[in-house]
Amino acid sequence: MTYADLQEALRILGLGERATLAEIKARHRDLVKRHHPDLENSGDPDVIRKVNAANKVLQDYITEYQFSFTEEEFYEQNPEERLRQQFMDAAMWGKG
């Protein structure tokens, strides 16, 4: 897999640079339902193949992803905790 493959998969699924696993699954499910050939609107099997291939690329990437447990990453994922840590001793916001 290349970075271009990953970007194409995100484009096909209509996802941005950041997405949760739940968002990826929901978007895949929505697109498969929308374009399924068994629907009355006679969905396009080629679109389904592209959507499923894009989902596989993302699932493969997620499976091999190495999570970062650094303090910087923690605060990026939890911005409210960064603010709490920064201002918890301030009289106006926390202890007085």
C-alpha atoms as a PDB file:
ATOM      1  CA  MET A   1       0.000   0.000   0.000  1.00  0.00           C
ATOM      2  CA  THR A   2       1.207   3.479  -0.822  1.00  0.00           C
ATOM      3  CA  TYR A   3       0.189   6.812   0.647  1.00  0.00           C
ATOM      4  CA  ALA A   4      -1.590   7.527  -2.658  1.00  0.00           C
ATOM      5  CA  ASP A   5      -3.624   4.314  -2.166  1.00  0.00           C
ATOM      6  CA  LEU A   6      -4.599   5.494   1.302  1.00  0.00           C
ATOM      7  CA  GLN A   7      -5.597   8.939  -0.002  1.00  0.00           C
ATOM      8  CA  GLU A   8      -7.655   7.379  -2.814  1.00  0.00           C
ATOM      9  CA  ALA A   9      -9.454   5.137  -0.319  1.00  0.00           C
ATOM     10  CA  LEU A  10     -10.313   8.165   1.820  1.00  0.00           C
ATOM     11  CA  ARG A  11     -11.550  10.020  -1.267  1.00  0.00           C
ATOM     12  CA  ILE A  12     -13.750   7.104  -2.386  1.00  0.00           C
ATOM     13  CA  LEU A  13     -15.291   6.808   1.066  1.00  0.00           C
ATOM     14  CA  GLY A  14     -15.612  10.579   1.406  1.00  0.00           C
ATOM     15  CA  LEU A  15     -13.563  10.794   4.596  1.00  0.00           C
ATOM     16  CA  GLY A  16     -11.181  13.516   5.743  1.00  0.00           C
ATOM     17  CA  GLU A  17      -7.692  13.208   7.176  1.00  0.00           C
ATOM     18  CA  ARG A  18      -9.056  12.081  10.544  1.00  0.00           C
ATOM     19  CA  ALA A  19     -11.810   9.541  11.104  1.00  0.00           C
ATOM     20  CA  THR A  20     -12.754   7.190  13.884  1.00  0.00           C
ATOM     21  CA  LEU A  21     -13.214   3.487  13.300  1.00  0.00           C
ATOM     22  CA  ALA A  22     -16.947   3.983  13.857  1.00  0.00           C
ATOM     23  CA  GLU A  23     -17.036   6.724  11.180  1.00  0.00           C
ATOM     24  CA  ILE A  24     -15.205   4.509   8.686  1.00  0.00           C
ATOM     25  CA  LYS A  25     -17.587   1.599   9.299  1.00  0.00           C
ATOM     26  CA  ALA A  26     -20.672   3.817   9.114  1.00  0.00           C
ATOM     27  CA  ARG A  27     -19.544   5.465   5.878  1.00  0.00           C
ATOM     28  CA  HIS A  28     -18.768   2.091   4.281  1.00  0.00           C
ATOM     29  CA  ARG A  29     -22.148   0.698   5.342  1.00  0.00           C
ATOM     30  CA  ASP A  30     -23.952   3.798   4.021  1.00  0.00           C
ATOM     31  CA  LEU A  31     -22.238   3.659   0.621  1.00  0.00           C
ATOM     32  CA  VAL A  32     -22.824  -0.080   0.224  1.00  0.00           C
ATOM     33  CA  LYS A  33     -26.518   0.356   1.026  1.00  0.00           C
ATOM     34  CA  ARG A  34     -26.805   3.318  -1.335  1.00  0.00           C
ATOM     35  CA  HIS A  35     -25.139   1.614  -4.320  1.00  0.00           C
ATOM     36  CA  HIS A  36     -26.145  -2.014  -3.815  1.00  0.00           C
ATOM     37  CA  PRO A  37     -27.231  -3.659  -7.100  1.00  0.00           C
ATOM     38  CA  ASP A  38     -30.252  -5.319  -5.463  1.00  0.00           C
ATOM     39  CA  LEU A  39     -31.873  -1.957  -4.767  1.00  0.00           C
ATOM     40  CA  GLU A  40     -34.643  -0.629  -6.989  1.00  0.00           C
ATOM     41  CA  ASN A  41     -32.391   2.132  -8.273  1.00  0.00           C
ATOM     42  CA  SER A  42     -30.220  -0.628  -9.831  1.00  0.00           C
ATOM     43  CA  GLY A  43     -26.987   0.274  -8.058  1.00  0.00           C
ATOM     44  CA  ASP A  44     -23.652   0.044  -9.793  1.00  0.00           C
ATOM     45  CA  PRO A  45     -21.642  -3.110  -8.951  1.00  0.00           C
ATOM     46  CA  ASP A  46     -18.448  -1.314 -10.022  1.00  0.00           C
ATOM     47  CA  VAL A  47     -19.028   1.349  -7.369  1.00  0.00           C
ATOM     48  CA  ILE A  48     -19.562  -1.377  -4.748  1.00  0.00           C
ATOM     49  CA  ARG A  49     -16.250  -2.989  -5.735  1.00  0.00           C
ATOM     50  CA  LYS A  50     -14.439   0.352  -5.399  1.00  0.00           C
ATOM     51  CA  VAL A  51     -16.069   1.079  -2.030  1.00  0.00           C
ATOM     52  CA  ASN A  52     -15.196  -2.380  -0.697  1.00  0.00           C
ATOM     53  CA  ALA A  53     -11.617  -2.123  -1.998  1.00  0.00           C
ATOM     54  CA  ALA A  54     -11.237   1.309  -0.373  1.00  0.00           C
ATOM     55  CA  ASN A  55     -12.585  -0.069   2.892  1.00  0.00           C
ATOM     56  CA  LYS A  56     -10.095  -2.955   2.737  1.00  0.00           C
ATOM     57  CA  VAL A  57      -7.204  -0.501   2.264  1.00  0.00           C
ATOM     58  CA  LEU A  58      -8.294   1.447   5.343  1.00  0.00           C
ATOM     59  CA  GLN A  59      -8.886  -1.705   7.400  1.00  0.00           C
ATOM     60  CA  ASP A  60      -5.434  -3.016   6.462  1.00  0.00           C
ATOM     61  CA  TYR A  61      -3.889   0.323   7.441  1.00  0.00           C
ATOM     62  CA  ILE A  62      -5.740   0.358  10.752  1.00  0.00           C
ATOM     63  CA  THR A  63      -4.707  -3.211  11.560  1.00  0.00           C
ATOM     64  CA  GLU A  64      -1.022  -2.398  11.086  1.00  0.00           C
ATOM     65  CA  TYR A  65      -1.155   1.071  12.664  1.00  0.00           C
ATOM     66  CA  GLN A  66       1.102   1.596  15.644  1.00  0.00           C
ATOM     67  CA  PHE A  67      -0.639   3.738  18.197  1.00  0.00           C
ATOM     68  CA  SER A  68       1.196   6.599  19.813  1.00  0.00           C
ATOM     69  CA  PHE A  69       0.881   6.882  23.567  1.00  0.00           C
ATOM     70  CA  THR A  70       2.984  10.010  23.913  1.00  0.00           C
ATOM     71  CA  GLU A  71       1.796  12.871  26.068  1.00  0.00           C
ATOM     72  CA  GLU A  72       1.612  15.113  22.994  1.00  0.00           C
ATOM     73  CA  GLU A  73      -0.682  12.659  21.182  1.00  0.00           C
ATOM     74  CA  PHE A  74      -2.809  12.221  24.304  1.00  0.00           C
ATOM     75  CA  TYR A  75      -3.437  15.959  24.518  1.00  0.00           C
ATOM     76  CA  GLU A  76      -4.120  16.189  20.799  1.00  0.00           C
ATOM     77  CA  GLN A  77      -6.812  13.532  21.178  1.00  0.00           C
ATOM     78  CA  ASN A  78      -8.105  15.039  24.444  1.00  0.00           C
ATOM     79  CA  PRO A  79      -7.892  18.831  24.134  1.00  0.00           C
ATOM     80  CA  GLU A  80     -10.184  19.413  27.112  1.00  0.00           C
ATOM     81  CA  GLU A  81      -7.669  17.630  29.340  1.00  0.00           C
ATOM     82  CA  ARG A  82      -4.895  19.916  28.084  1.00  0.00           C
ATOM     83  CA  LEU A  83      -6.993  22.934  29.083  1.00  0.00           C
ATOM     84  CA  ARG A  84      -7.800  21.410  32.461  1.00  0.00           C
ATOM     85  CA  GLN A  85      -4.118  20.745  33.130  1.00  0.00           C
ATOM     86  CA  GLN A  86      -3.180  24.226  31.991  1.00  0.00           C
ATOM     87  CA  PHE A  87      -5.752  26.110  34.072  1.00  0.00           C
ATOM     88  CA  MET A  88      -6.701  23.799  36.967  1.00  0.00           C
ATOM     89  CA  ASP A  89      -4.732  25.830  39.510  1.00  0.00           C
ATOM     90  CA  ALA A  90      -6.017  29.198  38.318  1.00  0.00           C
ATOM     91  CA  ALA A  91      -8.356  30.848  40.808  1.00  0.00           C
ATOM     92  CA  MET A  92     -10.824  31.717  38.108  1.00  0.00           C
ATOM     93  CA  TRP A  93     -11.103  28.174  36.672  1.00  0.00           C
ATOM     94  CA  GLY A  94     -10.150  25.729  39.343  1.00  0.00           C
ATOM     95  CA  LYS A  95      -8.702  25.965  42.785  1.00  0.00           C
ATOM     96  CA  GLY A  96      -8.633  29.304  44.414  1.00  0.00           C
END
